[in-house]
Amino acid sequence: MNETTTPNRARHPRRFGFPVKVMGRADIPSHDTRRWQQGPHLKTSIEHVDRVLDYLAGVGIDMYRLSSDLAPYATHPDMPQFHGMVAESDAELAALGRKARALDMRLSFHPSQYVLLNSPDAELTRKSIWDFSSQAEMLDRMGMGPEGVLVTHVGGVYGDREQSRARWIEGYEQCPEHVRRRLVLENDDIRFSAADVLWIHDRCGVPLIFDYQHFWCLNPERLELRATVKRFVDSWPAGVRPKIHFSSPRTEMREMKRKLTAAERDALPANAKTRVKTVLVPPIWTGHADFTNPFEFATFMRAAAGLEFDVMLEAKAKDVSLLRLRGDLARYAPDVAAEFGIAPGDAAEP
């Protein structure tokens, strides 16, 4: 379905989504987690996702990131017995896709950090393209439109940022067509900034995912927020709704183990066996909070007013955070809530 014919789009001008694990229903797995000895299969994962979609429809969530392990061991180089499971699941994938489209559900993948295109190791690049190909094939067999994307990062710096950026383009150009038309590139929090991925986009045309928290963690070029979001949104093909990632940073103190100093060991009783102690340390701002700060989110949305995109929330509490944010927006920011089709009566309890 396209944006002009999707039945729920007028009611929900923007979508909210969350990744993989359903926290609000512990009885619904996201995928088949059995070890290889038990013969896991994509068909079992599809049964789980079918139940996930029922849950999402029941609570009014219309965007979801599928587990990158949906097809277990499908690209494991030493387990050829699993390599055919995507093709074997063609009918089940098609049925799941029909259901997702009937629910106007936007689905996507975000392959793991070990799947990357800019490694100096050509074999790792080849394996990563295989992983991308498998996940793109699943979206194709589901009949998902161009909004069904594969999100990736640039990868490692490997001692030379410029060469690593350029090598990502080389990897991208090696990808088969069905991967390139779904692949989108995200700015990250410690290696490649928004300016870096814009540089890559300008040279190969890959659409970009704007990550709000990453932008604040890594923006040495001091790019301006709204102008950057606009450039990311404009990088998408005409008629395909962009999406962004949003999360709030963790703010609580963290517990860490550290070795005792010599003086601390000397002060212990003679029969003490411990050699470590627990200490409290400040938060790391790259860490995602359990919940989304509604005031921070509303401020961002007002800054991005007029720009069209869906929002993938990356809070640790997953769907629970999303549902809470909807209520918080209805209570504290009804102007923003209205953009997501959230009614005033959905306000969260104080």
C-alpha atoms as a PDB file:
ATOM      1  CA  MET A   1       0.000   0.000   0.000  1.00  0.00           C
ATOM      2  CA  ASN A   2       1.233   3.498  -0.711  1.00  0.00           C
ATOM      3  CA  GLU A   3       0.752   6.578   1.422  1.00  0.00           C
ATOM      4  CA  THR A   4      -2.247   7.850  -0.522  1.00  0.00           C
ATOM      5  CA  THR A   5      -4.224   4.620  -0.180  1.00  0.00           C
ATOM      6  CA  THR A   6      -3.267   3.432   3.311  1.00  0.00           C
ATOM      7  CA  PRO A   7      -6.542   3.413   5.264  1.00  0.00           C
ATOM      8  CA  ASN A   8      -5.223   4.448   8.677  1.00  0.00           C
ATOM      9  CA  ARG A   9      -2.759   7.120   7.571  1.00  0.00           C
ATOM     10  CA  ALA A  10      -5.271   9.967   7.817  1.00  0.00           C
ATOM     11  CA  ARG A  11      -6.034   8.925  11.409  1.00  0.00           C
ATOM     12  CA  HIS A  12      -2.374   8.359  12.262  1.00  0.00           C
ATOM     13  CA  PRO A  13      -0.359  10.946  10.305  1.00  0.00           C
ATOM     14  CA  ARG A  14       2.788   9.638  12.009  1.00  0.00           C
ATOM     15  CA  ARG A  15       3.711   6.218  13.306  1.00  0.00           C
ATOM     16  CA  PHE A  16       5.388   5.221  16.578  1.00  0.00           C
ATOM     17  CA  GLY A  17       7.351   1.980  16.718  1.00  0.00           C
ATOM     18  CA  PHE A  18       9.735   0.015  18.927  1.00  0.00           C
ATOM     19  CA  PRO A  19      12.317  -2.726  18.390  1.00  0.00           C
ATOM     20  CA  VAL A  20      12.004  -6.486  18.747  1.00  0.00           C
ATOM     21  CA  LYS A  21      11.153  -7.473  22.325  1.00  0.00           C
ATOM     22  CA  VAL A  22       7.588  -7.079  23.592  1.00  0.00           C
ATOM     23  CA  MET A  23       7.884  -6.041  27.236  1.00  0.00           C
ATOM     24  CA  GLY A  24       4.160  -5.667  27.827  1.00  0.00           C
ATOM     25  CA  ARG A  25       3.507  -9.350  27.092  1.00  0.00           C
ATOM     26  CA  ALA A  26       6.197 -11.666  28.390  1.00  0.00           C
ATOM     27  CA  ASP A  27       4.400 -14.630  26.816  1.00  0.00           C
ATOM     28  CA  ILE A  28       5.031 -13.423  23.250  1.00  0.00           C
ATOM     29  CA  PRO A  29       8.584 -14.145  22.000  1.00  0.00           C
ATOM     30  CA  SER A  30       9.979 -12.086  19.165  1.00  0.00           C
ATOM     31  CA  HIS A  31      11.592 -15.025  17.341  1.00  0.00           C
ATOM     32  CA  ASP A  32      12.668 -18.656  17.650  1.00  0.00           C
ATOM     33  CA  THR A  33      15.488 -18.605  20.221  1.00  0.00           C
ATOM     34  CA  ARG A  34      16.242 -22.332  20.280  1.00  0.00           C
ATOM     35  CA  ARG A  35      19.842 -23.408  19.818  1.00  0.00           C
ATOM     36  CA  TRP A  36      20.839 -25.104  16.579  1.00  0.00           C
ATOM     37  CA  GLN A  37      20.677 -28.552  18.174  1.00  0.00           C
ATOM     38  CA  GLN A  38      16.879 -28.164  18.559  1.00  0.00           C
ATOM     39  CA  GLY A  39      16.355 -27.311  14.899  1.00  0.00           C
ATOM     40  CA  PRO A  40      15.030 -23.713  15.106  1.00  0.00           C
ATOM     41  CA  HIS A  41      13.303 -22.356  12.027  1.00  0.00           C
ATOM     42  CA  LEU A  42      11.986 -19.161  10.481  1.00  0.00           C
ATOM     43  CA  LYS A  43       8.514 -20.714  10.351  1.00  0.00           C
ATOM     44  CA  THR A  44       8.459 -20.798  14.160  1.00  0.00           C
ATOM     45  CA  SER A  45       9.642 -17.185  14.311  1.00  0.00           C
ATOM     46  CA  ILE A  46       6.816 -16.204  11.947  1.00  0.00           C
ATOM     47  CA  GLU A  47       4.283 -17.789  14.299  1.00  0.00           C
ATOM     48  CA  HIS A  48       5.683 -15.619  17.106  1.00  0.00           C
ATOM     49  CA  VAL A  49       5.598 -12.458  14.978  1.00  0.00           C
ATOM     50  CA  ASP A  50       2.012 -13.205  13.993  1.00  0.00           C
ATOM     51  CA  ARG A  51       1.118 -13.010  17.689  1.00  0.00           C
ATOM     52  CA  VAL A  52       3.212  -9.853  18.061  1.00  0.00           C
ATOM     53  CA  LEU A  53       1.183  -8.202  15.288  1.00  0.00           C
ATOM     54  CA  ASP A  54      -2.053  -9.153  17.046  1.00  0.00           C
ATOM     55  CA  TYR A  55      -0.756  -7.538  20.229  1.00  0.00           C
ATOM     56  CA  LEU A  56       0.371  -4.401  18.385  1.00  0.00           C
ATOM     57  CA  ALA A  57      -2.977  -4.050  16.660  1.00  0.00           C
ATOM     58  CA  GLY A  58      -4.721  -4.392  20.006  1.00  0.00           C
ATOM     59  CA  VAL A  59      -2.766  -1.533  21.586  1.00  0.00           C
ATOM     60  CA  GLY A  60      -2.682   0.644  18.465  1.00  0.00           C
ATOM     61  CA  ILE A  61       1.024   0.398  17.560  1.00  0.00           C
ATOM     62  CA  ASP A  62       1.659   0.400  13.811  1.00  0.00           C
ATOM     63  CA  MET A  63       5.452   0.168  13.412  1.00  0.00           C
ATOM     64  CA  TYR A  64       7.755  -2.634  14.565  1.00  0.00           C
ATOM     65  CA  ARG A  65      11.373  -3.685  14.109  1.00  0.00           C
ATOM     66  CA  LEU A  66      11.760  -7.395  13.482  1.00  0.00           C
ATOM     67  CA  SER A  67      14.501  -9.335  15.215  1.00  0.00           C
ATOM     68  CA  SER A  68      17.692  -9.633  13.184  1.00  0.00           C
ATOM     69  CA  ASP A  69      17.684 -13.291  14.325  1.00  0.00           C
ATOM     70  CA  LEU A  70      14.275 -13.972  12.784  1.00  0.00           C
ATOM     71  CA  ALA A  71      15.761 -16.676  10.553  1.00  0.00           C
ATOM     72  CA  PRO A  72      18.095 -18.466  13.002  1.00  0.00           C
ATOM     73  CA  TYR A  73      21.424 -19.588  11.541  1.00  0.00           C
ATOM     74  CA  ALA A  74      20.190 -18.858   8.018  1.00  0.00           C
ATOM     75  CA  THR A  75      23.559 -17.377   7.081  1.00  0.00           C
ATOM     76  CA  HIS A  76      25.811 -19.347   9.418  1.00  0.00           C
ATOM     77  CA  PRO A  77      28.699 -20.434   7.192  1.00  0.00           C
ATOM     78  CA  ASP A  78      29.172 -23.768   8.988  1.00  0.00           C
ATOM     79  CA  MET A  79      25.507 -24.806   9.133  1.00  0.00           C
ATOM     80  CA  PRO A  80      24.244 -25.331   5.587  1.00  0.00           C
ATOM     81  CA  GLN A  81      21.220 -27.226   6.913  1.00  0.00           C
ATOM     82  CA  PHE A  82      19.680 -23.831   7.795  1.00  0.00           C
ATOM     83  CA  HIS A  83      20.524 -21.959   4.596  1.00  0.00           C
ATOM     84  CA  GLY A  84      17.282 -22.757   2.774  1.00  0.00           C
ATOM     85  CA  MET A  85      14.826 -21.721   5.477  1.00  0.00           C
ATOM     86  CA  VAL A  86      13.862 -18.364   3.942  1.00  0.00           C
ATOM     87  CA  ALA A  87      12.792 -19.981   0.662  1.00  0.00           C
ATOM     88  CA  GLU A  88      11.146 -22.835   2.591  1.00  0.00           C
ATOM     89  CA  SER A  89       9.033 -20.230   4.431  1.00  0.00           C
ATOM     90  CA  ASP A  90       7.767 -18.439   1.332  1.00  0.00           C
ATOM     91  CA  ALA A  91       4.063 -19.110   1.968  1.00  0.00           C
ATOM     92  CA  GLU A  92       4.318 -18.189   5.637  1.00  0.00           C
ATOM     93  CA  LEU A  93       6.206 -14.972   4.875  1.00  0.00           C
ATOM     94  CA  ALA A  94       3.635 -14.012   2.244  1.00  0.00           C
ATOM     95  CA  ALA A  95       0.801 -14.571   4.734  1.00  0.00           C
ATOM     96  CA  LEU A  96       2.569 -12.525   7.409  1.00  0.00           C
ATOM     97  CA  GLY A  97       3.122  -9.729   4.909  1.00  0.00           C
ATOM     98  CA  ARG A  98      -0.549  -9.695   3.939  1.00  0.00           C
ATOM     99  CA  LYS A  99      -1.488  -9.399   7.580  1.00  0.00           C
ATOM    100  CA  ALA A 100       1.006  -6.573   8.189  1.00  0.00           C
ATOM    101  CA  ARG A 101      -0.283  -4.645   5.179  1.00  0.00           C
ATOM    102  CA  ALA A 102      -3.904  -5.141   6.238  1.00  0.00           C
ATOM    103  CA  LEU A 103      -2.959  -3.650   9.624  1.00  0.00           C
ATOM    104  CA  ASP A 104      -0.980  -0.847   7.938  1.00  0.00           C
ATOM    105  CA  MET A 105       2.031  -2.073   9.930  1.00  0.00           C
ATOM    106  CA  ARG A 106       5.451  -0.742   8.981  1.00  0.00           C
ATOM    107  CA  LEU A 107       8.131  -3.414   9.491  1.00  0.00           C
ATOM    108  CA  SER A 108      11.906  -3.155   9.301  1.00  0.00           C
ATOM    109  CA  PHE A 109      15.166  -4.849  10.260  1.00  0.00           C
ATOM    110  CA  HIS A 110      18.298  -3.523  11.949  1.00  0.00           C
ATOM    111  CA  PRO A 111      21.068  -6.124  11.461  1.00  0.00           C
ATOM    112  CA  SER A 112      23.579  -6.444  14.298  1.00  0.00           C
ATOM    113  CA  GLN A 113      26.697  -4.348  14.791  1.00  0.00           C
ATOM    114  CA  TYR A 114      28.779  -7.176  13.345  1.00  0.00           C
ATOM    115  CA  VAL A 115      27.098  -6.830   9.960  1.00  0.00           C
ATOM    116  CA  LEU A 116      28.988  -4.039   8.242  1.00  0.00           C
ATOM    117  CA  LEU A 117      30.128  -2.998   4.804  1.00  0.00           C
ATOM    118  CA  ASN A 118      33.341  -1.096   5.463  1.00  0.00           C
ATOM    119  CA  SER A 119      35.591  -3.784   6.924  1.00  0.00           C
ATOM    120  CA  PRO A 120      39.099  -4.085   5.405  1.00  0.00           C
ATOM    121  CA  ASP A 121      38.424  -7.835   5.534  1.00  0.00           C
ATOM    122  CA  ALA A 122      36.761  -8.696   2.217  1.00  0.00           C
ATOM    123  CA  GLU A 123      35.418 -11.949   3.648  1.00  0.00           C
ATOM    124  CA  LEU A 124      33.594 -10.113   6.436  1.00  0.00           C
ATOM    125  CA  THR A 125      32.095  -7.750   3.872  1.00  0.00           C
ATOM    126  CA  ARG A 126      30.941 -10.725   1.797  1.00  0.00           C
ATOM    127  CA  LYS A 127      29.349 -12.355   4.850  1.00  0.00           C
ATOM    128  CA  SER A 128      27.644  -9.067   5.781  1.00  0.00           C
ATOM    129  CA  ILE A 129      26.166  -8.727   2.296  1.00  0.00           C
ATOM    130  CA  TRP A 130      24.819 -12.264   2.691  1.00  0.00           C
ATOM    131  CA  ASP A 131      23.143 -11.239   5.968  1.00  0.00           C
ATOM    132  CA  PHE A 132      21.629  -8.139   4.354  1.00  0.00           C
ATOM    133  CA  SER A 133      20.473 -10.206   1.394  1.00  0.00           C
ATOM    134  CA  SER A 134      18.709 -12.720   3.620  1.00  0.00           C
ATOM    135  CA  GLN A 135      16.785 -10.040   5.520  1.00  0.00           C
ATOM    136  CA  ALA A 136      15.927  -8.107   2.354  1.00  0.00           C
ATOM    137  CA  GLU A 137      14.661 -11.364   0.833  1.00  0.00           C
ATOM    138  CA  MET A 138      12.338 -11.864   3.804  1.00  0.00           C
ATOM    139  CA  LEU A 139      10.861  -8.378   3.323  1.00  0.00           C
ATOM    140  CA  ASP A 140      10.496  -9.053  -0.403  1.00  0.00           C
ATOM    141  CA  ARG A 141       8.734 -12.375   0.167  1.00  0.00           C
ATOM    142  CA  MET A 142       6.442 -10.590   2.626  1.00  0.00           C
ATOM    143  CA  GLY A 143       5.569  -8.105  -0.102  1.00  0.00           C
ATOM    144  CA  MET A 144       6.522  -5.133   2.037  1.00  0.00           C
ATOM    145  CA  GLY A 145       6.820  -1.826   0.227  1.00  0.00           C
ATOM    146  CA  PRO A 146       9.824   0.527   0.190  1.00  0.00           C
ATOM    147  CA  GLU A 147       9.129   1.653   3.767  1.00  0.00           C
ATOM    148  CA  GLY A 148      10.386  -1.769   4.886  1.00  0.00           C
ATOM    149  CA  VAL A 149      14.059  -0.958   5.298  1.00  0.00           C
ATOM    150  CA  LEU A 150      17.314  -2.424   6.599  1.00  0.00           C
ATOM    151  CA  VAL A 151      19.046  -0.015   8.967  1.00  0.00           C
ATOM    152  CA  THR A 152      22.826  -0.120   9.260  1.00  0.00           C
ATOM    153  CA  HIS A 153      25.776   1.905  10.563  1.00  0.00           C
ATOM    154  CA  VAL A 154      28.980   2.824   8.767  1.00  0.00           C
ATOM    155  CA  GLY A 155      31.073   0.485  10.918  1.00  0.00           C
ATOM    156  CA  GLY A 156      34.622   0.759  12.244  1.00  0.00           C
ATOM    157  CA  VAL A 157      37.136   3.561  11.782  1.00  0.00           C
ATOM    158  CA  TYR A 158      40.097   1.158  11.357  1.00  0.00           C
ATOM    159  CA  GLY A 159      42.599   3.968  11.903  1.00  0.00           C
ATOM    160  CA  ASP A 160      41.478   6.090   8.944  1.00  0.00           C
ATOM    161  CA  ARG A 161      38.067   7.772   8.984  1.00  0.00           C
ATOM    162  CA  GLU A 162      38.140   8.996   5.388  1.00  0.00           C
ATOM    163  CA  GLN A 163      39.154   5.642   3.955  1.00  0.00           C
ATOM    164  CA  SER A 164      36.555   3.875   6.094  1.00  0.00           C
ATOM    165  CA  ARG A 165      33.788   6.148   4.812  1.00  0.00           C
ATOM    166  CA  ALA A 166      34.870   5.578   1.240  1.00  0.00           C
ATOM    167  CA  ARG A 167      35.141   1.831   1.796  1.00  0.00           C
ATOM    168  CA  TRP A 168      31.497   1.775   2.979  1.00  0.00           C
ATOM    169  CA  ILE A 169      30.473   3.069  -0.453  1.00  0.00           C
ATOM    170  CA  GLU A 170      32.516   0.307  -2.082  1.00  0.00           C
ATOM    171  CA  GLY A 171      30.691  -2.265   0.047  1.00  0.00           C
ATOM    172  CA  TYR A 172      27.336  -0.699  -0.750  1.00  0.00           C
ATOM    173  CA  GLU A 173      28.035  -0.894  -4.457  1.00  0.00           C
ATOM    174  CA  GLN A 174      28.763  -4.629  -4.104  1.00  0.00           C
ATOM    175  CA  CYS A 175      25.294  -5.270  -2.642  1.00  0.00           C
ATOM    176  CA  PRO A 176      22.670  -6.807  -4.905  1.00  0.00           C
ATOM    177  CA  GLU A 177      19.829  -4.589  -6.073  1.00  0.00           C
ATOM    178  CA  HIS A 178      17.257  -5.974  -3.648  1.00  0.00           C
ATOM    179  CA  VAL A 179      19.539  -4.942  -0.768  1.00  0.00           C
ATOM    180  CA  ARG A 180      20.421  -1.482  -2.090  1.00  0.00           C
ATOM    181  CA  ARG A 181      16.773  -0.504  -2.502  1.00  0.00           C
ATOM    182  CA  ARG A 182      16.116  -1.297   1.177  1.00  0.00           C
ATOM    183  CA  LEU A 183      19.367  -0.275   2.872  1.00  0.00           C
ATOM    184  CA  VAL A 184      19.390   2.957   4.919  1.00  0.00           C
ATOM    185  CA  LEU A 185      22.326   4.423   6.845  1.00  0.00           C
ATOM    186  CA  GLU A 186      22.237   5.793  10.408  1.00  0.00           C
ATOM    187  CA  ASN A 187      24.517   8.266  12.186  1.00  0.00           C
ATOM    188  CA  ASP A 188      26.080   6.753  15.286  1.00  0.00           C
ATOM    189  CA  ASP A 189      27.206   7.935  18.703  1.00  0.00           C
ATOM    190  CA  ILE A 190      30.959   7.360  18.838  1.00  0.00           C
ATOM    191  CA  ARG A 191      32.422   6.944  15.318  1.00  0.00           C
ATOM    192  CA  PHE A 192      30.523   8.404  12.373  1.00  0.00           C
ATOM    193  CA  SER A 193      28.540  11.591  12.824  1.00  0.00           C
ATOM    194  CA  ALA A 194      25.596  13.030  10.937  1.00  0.00           C
ATOM    195  CA  ALA A 195      28.085  14.912   8.756  1.00  0.00           C
ATOM    196  CA  ASP A 196      29.871  11.639   7.923  1.00  0.00           C
ATOM    197  CA  VAL A 197      26.737   9.872   6.734  1.00  0.00           C
ATOM    198  CA  LEU A 198      25.646  12.949   4.784  1.00  0.00           C
ATOM    199  CA  TRP A 199      29.033  12.797   3.034  1.00  0.00           C
ATOM    200  CA  ILE A 200      28.316   9.173   2.106  1.00  0.00           C
ATOM    201  CA  HIS A 201      24.773   9.961   0.951  1.00  0.00           C
ATOM    202  CA  ASP A 202      26.032  12.742  -1.307  1.00  0.00           C
ATOM    203  CA  ARG A 203      28.249  10.216  -3.111  1.00  0.00           C
ATOM    204  CA  CYS A 204      26.005   7.148  -3.415  1.00  0.00           C
ATOM    205  CA  GLY A 205      22.446   8.270  -2.652  1.00  0.00           C
ATOM    206  CA  VAL A 206      21.730   5.893   0.258  1.00  0.00           C
ATOM    207  CA  PRO A 207      18.789   7.199   2.359  1.00  0.00           C
ATOM    208  CA  LEU A 208      19.621   8.256   5.907  1.00  0.00           C
ATOM    209  CA  ILE A 209      18.154   7.520   9.348  1.00  0.00           C
ATOM    210  CA  PHE A 210      18.484  10.426  11.791  1.00  0.00           C
ATOM    211  CA  ASP A 211      19.203   9.244  15.337  1.00  0.00           C
ATOM    212  CA  TYR A 212      18.421  11.995  17.840  1.00  0.00           C
ATOM    213  CA  GLN A 213      20.500  10.751  20.784  1.00  0.00           C
ATOM    214  CA  HIS A 214      23.444   9.882  18.562  1.00  0.00           C
ATOM    215  CA  PHE A 215      23.316  13.384  17.100  1.00  0.00           C
ATOM    216  CA  TRP A 216      23.884  14.939  20.517  1.00  0.00           C
ATOM    217  CA  CYS A 217      26.567  12.415  21.469  1.00  0.00           C
ATOM    218  CA  LEU A 218      28.592  12.935  18.281  1.00  0.00           C
ATOM    219  CA  ASN A 219      28.343  16.201  16.392  1.00  0.00           C
ATOM    220  CA  PRO A 220      31.871  17.665  16.200  1.00  0.00           C
ATOM    221  CA  GLU A 221      30.896  19.649  13.101  1.00  0.00           C
ATOM    222  CA  ARG A 222      28.248  21.470  15.196  1.00  0.00           C
ATOM    223  CA  LEU A 223      25.508  20.917  12.660  1.00  0.00           C
ATOM    224  CA  GLU A 224      22.201  22.604  13.493  1.00  0.00           C
ATOM    225  CA  LEU A 225      19.431  20.242  14.564  1.00  0.00           C
ATOM    226  CA  ARG A 226      16.492  21.121  12.349  1.00  0.00           C
ATOM    227  CA  ALA A 227      18.566  21.688   9.226  1.00  0.00           C
ATOM    228  CA  THR A 228      20.214  18.292   9.741  1.00  0.00           C
ATOM    229  CA  VAL A 229      16.925  16.475  10.259  1.00  0.00           C
ATOM    230  CA  LYS A 230      15.630  18.085   7.074  1.00  0.00           C
ATOM    231  CA  ARG A 231      18.636  16.912   5.071  1.00  0.00           C
ATOM    232  CA  PHE A 232      18.158  13.376   6.396  1.00  0.00           C
ATOM    233  CA  VAL A 233      14.443  13.399   5.604  1.00  0.00           C
ATOM    234  CA  ASP A 234      15.099  14.785   2.129  1.00  0.00           C
ATOM    235  CA  SER A 235      17.541  11.930   1.429  1.00  0.00           C
ATOM    236  CA  TRP A 236      14.620   9.478   1.082  1.00  0.00           C
ATOM    237  CA  PRO A 237      12.976   8.733  -2.268  1.00  0.00           C
ATOM    238  CA  ALA A 238       9.868  10.687  -3.169  1.00  0.00           C
ATOM    239  CA  GLY A 239       6.721   8.985  -1.906  1.00  0.00           C
ATOM    240  CA  VAL A 240       8.516   6.937   0.765  1.00  0.00           C
ATOM    241  CA  ARG A 241       7.990   8.138   4.303  1.00  0.00           C
ATOM    242  CA  PRO A 242      11.289   8.545   6.203  1.00  0.00           C
ATOM    243  CA  LYS A 243      11.699   7.413   9.764  1.00  0.00           C
ATOM    244  CA  ILE A 244      13.975   8.521  12.576  1.00  0.00           C
ATOM    245  CA  HIS A 245      15.231   7.026  15.826  1.00  0.00           C
ATOM    246  CA  PHE A 246      14.570   8.722  19.149  1.00  0.00           C
ATOM    247  CA  SER A 247      15.723   7.864  22.651  1.00  0.00           C
ATOM    248  CA  SER A 248      16.536   9.667  25.886  1.00  0.00           C
ATOM    249  CA  PRO A 249      19.865   9.083  27.683  1.00  0.00           C
ATOM    250  CA  ARG A 250      20.142   7.195  30.933  1.00  0.00           C
ATOM    251  CA  THR A 251      20.561   9.532  33.899  1.00  0.00           C
ATOM    252  CA  GLU A 252      20.875   7.215  36.923  1.00  0.00           C
ATOM    253  CA  MET A 253      24.131   6.271  38.604  1.00  0.00           C
ATOM    254  CA  ARG A 254      25.678   3.012  37.405  1.00  0.00           C
ATOM    255  CA  GLU A 255      27.104   0.229  39.543  1.00  0.00           C
ATOM    256  CA  MET A 256      30.556  -0.976  38.517  1.00  0.00           C
ATOM    257  CA  LYS A 257      33.018  -3.472  39.949  1.00  0.00           C
ATOM    258  CA  ARG A 258      36.619  -2.379  40.429  1.00  0.00           C
ATOM    259  CA  LYS A 259      39.653  -3.969  42.007  1.00  0.00           C
ATOM    260  CA  LEU A 260      40.590  -2.905  45.512  1.00  0.00           C
ATOM    261  CA  THR A 261      43.635  -0.748  45.906  1.00  0.00           C
ATOM    262  CA  ALA A 262      46.569  -2.046  47.935  1.00  0.00           C
ATOM    263  CA  ALA A 263      45.541   0.168  50.838  1.00  0.00           C
ATOM    264  CA  GLU A 264      41.975  -1.144  50.728  1.00  0.00           C
ATOM    265  CA  ARG A 265      43.188  -4.753  50.694  1.00  0.00           C
ATOM    266  CA  ASP A 266      45.468  -4.081  53.669  1.00  0.00           C
ATOM    267  CA  ALA A 267      42.524  -2.692  55.629  1.00  0.00           C
ATOM    268  CA  LEU A 268      40.483  -5.877  55.183  1.00  0.00           C
ATOM    269  CA  PRO A 269      40.307  -8.586  57.870  1.00  0.00           C
ATOM    270  CA  ALA A 270      42.922 -11.285  57.422  1.00  0.00           C
ATOM    271  CA  ASN A 271      40.355 -13.890  56.343  1.00  0.00           C
ATOM    272  CA  ALA A 272      38.633 -11.645  53.751  1.00  0.00           C
ATOM    273  CA  LYS A 273      38.647 -13.078  50.239  1.00  0.00           C
ATOM    274  CA  THR A 274      37.118 -10.236  48.242  1.00  0.00           C
ATOM    275  CA  ARG A 275      39.349  -8.367  45.816  1.00  0.00           C
ATOM    276  CA  VAL A 276      36.725  -6.142  44.237  1.00  0.00           C
ATOM    277  CA  LYS A 277      34.215  -3.561  45.407  1.00  0.00           C
ATOM    278  CA  THR A 278      31.049  -2.062  43.937  1.00  0.00           C
ATOM    279  CA  VAL A 279      31.228   1.657  43.211  1.00  0.00           C
ATOM    280  CA  LEU A 280      28.719   4.138  41.826  1.00  0.00           C
ATOM    281  CA  VAL A 281      29.759   6.071  38.728  1.00  0.00           C
ATOM    282  CA  PRO A 282      27.963   8.705  36.625  1.00  0.00           C
ATOM    283  CA  PRO A 283      25.906   7.710  33.573  1.00  0.00           C
ATOM    284  CA  ILE A 284      27.276   7.360  30.076  1.00  0.00           C
ATOM    285  CA  TRP A 285      25.150   9.550  27.805  1.00  0.00           C
ATOM    286  CA  THR A 286      25.212   7.040  24.964  1.00  0.00           C
ATOM    287  CA  GLY A 287      23.115   4.627  27.038  1.00  0.00           C
ATOM    288  CA  HIS A 288      19.380   4.480  26.333  1.00  0.00           C
ATOM    289  CA  ALA A 289      16.942   5.238  29.146  1.00  0.00           C
ATOM    290  CA  ASP A 290      14.170   2.817  30.051  1.00  0.00           C
ATOM    291  CA  PHE A 291      11.557   5.446  29.192  1.00  0.00           C
ATOM    292  CA  THR A 292      11.368   8.416  26.841  1.00  0.00           C
ATOM    293  CA  ASN A 293      11.433  11.912  28.319  1.00  0.00           C
ATOM    294  CA  PRO A 294       8.173  13.443  27.033  1.00  0.00           C
ATOM    295  CA  PHE A 295       9.362  17.028  27.396  1.00  0.00           C
ATOM    296  CA  GLU A 296      12.532  16.310  25.423  1.00  0.00           C
ATOM    297  CA  PHE A 297      10.524  14.533  22.747  1.00  0.00           C
ATOM    298  CA  ALA A 298       7.923  17.303  22.461  1.00  0.00           C
ATOM    299  CA  THR A 299      10.686  19.920  22.193  1.00  0.00           C
ATOM    300  CA  PHE A 300      12.296  17.957  19.366  1.00  0.00           C
ATOM    301  CA  MET A 301       9.032  17.486  17.504  1.00  0.00           C
ATOM    302  CA  ARG A 302       8.278  21.200  17.693  1.00  0.00           C
ATOM    303  CA  ALA A 303      11.757  21.961  16.370  1.00  0.00           C
ATOM    304  CA  ALA A 304      11.097  19.551  13.478  1.00  0.00           C
ATOM    305  CA  ALA A 305       7.588  20.895  12.762  1.00  0.00           C
ATOM    306  CA  GLY A 306       6.596  20.486   9.118  1.00  0.00           C
ATOM    307  CA  LEU A 307       9.011  17.616   8.422  1.00  0.00           C
ATOM    308  CA  GLU A 308       7.399  14.263   7.677  1.00  0.00           C
ATOM    309  CA  PHE A 309       8.723  11.103   9.322  1.00  0.00           C
ATOM    310  CA  ASP A 310       7.774   8.163  11.517  1.00  0.00           C
ATOM    311  CA  VAL A 311       9.484   7.616  14.876  1.00  0.00           C
ATOM    312  CA  MET A 312      11.169   4.432  16.096  1.00  0.00           C
ATOM    313  CA  LEU A 313      11.561   4.700  19.872  1.00  0.00           C
ATOM    314  CA  GLU A 314      14.655   2.946  21.210  1.00  0.00           C
ATOM    315  CA  ALA A 315      13.871   3.076  24.927  1.00  0.00           C
ATOM    316  CA  LYS A 316      14.821   0.003  26.956  1.00  0.00           C
ATOM    317  CA  ALA A 317      11.209  -0.518  28.071  1.00  0.00           C
ATOM    318  CA  LYS A 318      10.182  -1.002  24.417  1.00  0.00           C
ATOM    319  CA  ASP A 319       6.402  -1.022  23.903  1.00  0.00           C
ATOM    320  CA  VAL A 320       5.806  -0.107  27.559  1.00  0.00           C
ATOM    321  CA  SER A 321       7.779   3.097  27.022  1.00  0.00           C
ATOM    322  CA  LEU A 322       5.896   3.818  23.801  1.00  0.00           C
ATOM    323  CA  LEU A 323       2.507   3.441  25.458  1.00  0.00           C
ATOM    324  CA  ARG A 324       3.602   5.636  28.361  1.00  0.00           C
ATOM    325  CA  LEU A 325       4.909   8.313  25.989  1.00  0.00           C
ATOM    326  CA  ARG A 326       1.593   8.403  24.155  1.00  0.00           C
ATOM    327  CA  GLY A 327      -0.169   9.098  27.428  1.00  0.00           C
ATOM    328  CA  ASP A 328       2.429  11.633  28.510  1.00  0.00           C
ATOM    329  CA  LEU A 329       2.103  13.531  25.232  1.00  0.00           C
ATOM    330  CA  ALA A 330      -1.677  13.610  25.538  1.00  0.00           C
ATOM    331  CA  ARG A 331      -1.267  15.105  29.009  1.00  0.00           C
ATOM    332  CA  TYR A 332       1.675  17.472  28.523  1.00  0.00           C
ATOM    333  CA  ALA A 333       1.957  18.146  24.777  1.00  0.00           C
ATOM    334  CA  PRO A 334      -1.426  17.685  23.063  1.00  0.00           C
ATOM    335  CA  ASP A 335      -0.204  19.516  19.957  1.00  0.00           C
ATOM    336  CA  VAL A 336       2.465  16.839  19.435  1.00  0.00           C
ATOM    337  CA  ALA A 337       0.092  14.044  20.469  1.00  0.00           C
ATOM    338  CA  ALA A 338      -2.304  15.068  17.707  1.00  0.00           C
ATOM    339  CA  GLU A 339       0.384  14.405  15.075  1.00  0.00           C
ATOM    340  CA  PHE A 340       0.371  10.745  16.134  1.00  0.00           C
ATOM    341  CA  GLY A 341      -3.394  10.443  16.300  1.00  0.00           C
ATOM    342  CA  ILE A 342      -3.345  10.413  20.124  1.00  0.00           C
ATOM    343  CA  ALA A 343      -6.596  11.619  21.674  1.00  0.00           C
ATOM    344  CA  PRO A 344      -6.714  13.870  24.770  1.00  0.00           C
ATOM    345  CA  GLY A 345      -8.485  11.088  26.616  1.00  0.00           C
ATOM    346  CA  ASP A 346      -5.348   8.930  26.333  1.00  0.00           C
ATOM    347  CA  ALA A 347      -3.489  11.048  28.907  1.00  0.00           C
ATOM    348  CA  ALA A 348      -1.330   9.140  31.361  1.00  0.00           C
ATOM    349  CA  GLU A 349      -2.044   9.282  35.054  1.00  0.00           C
ATOM    350  CA  PRO A 350       0.109  11.873  36.902  1.00  0.00           C
END
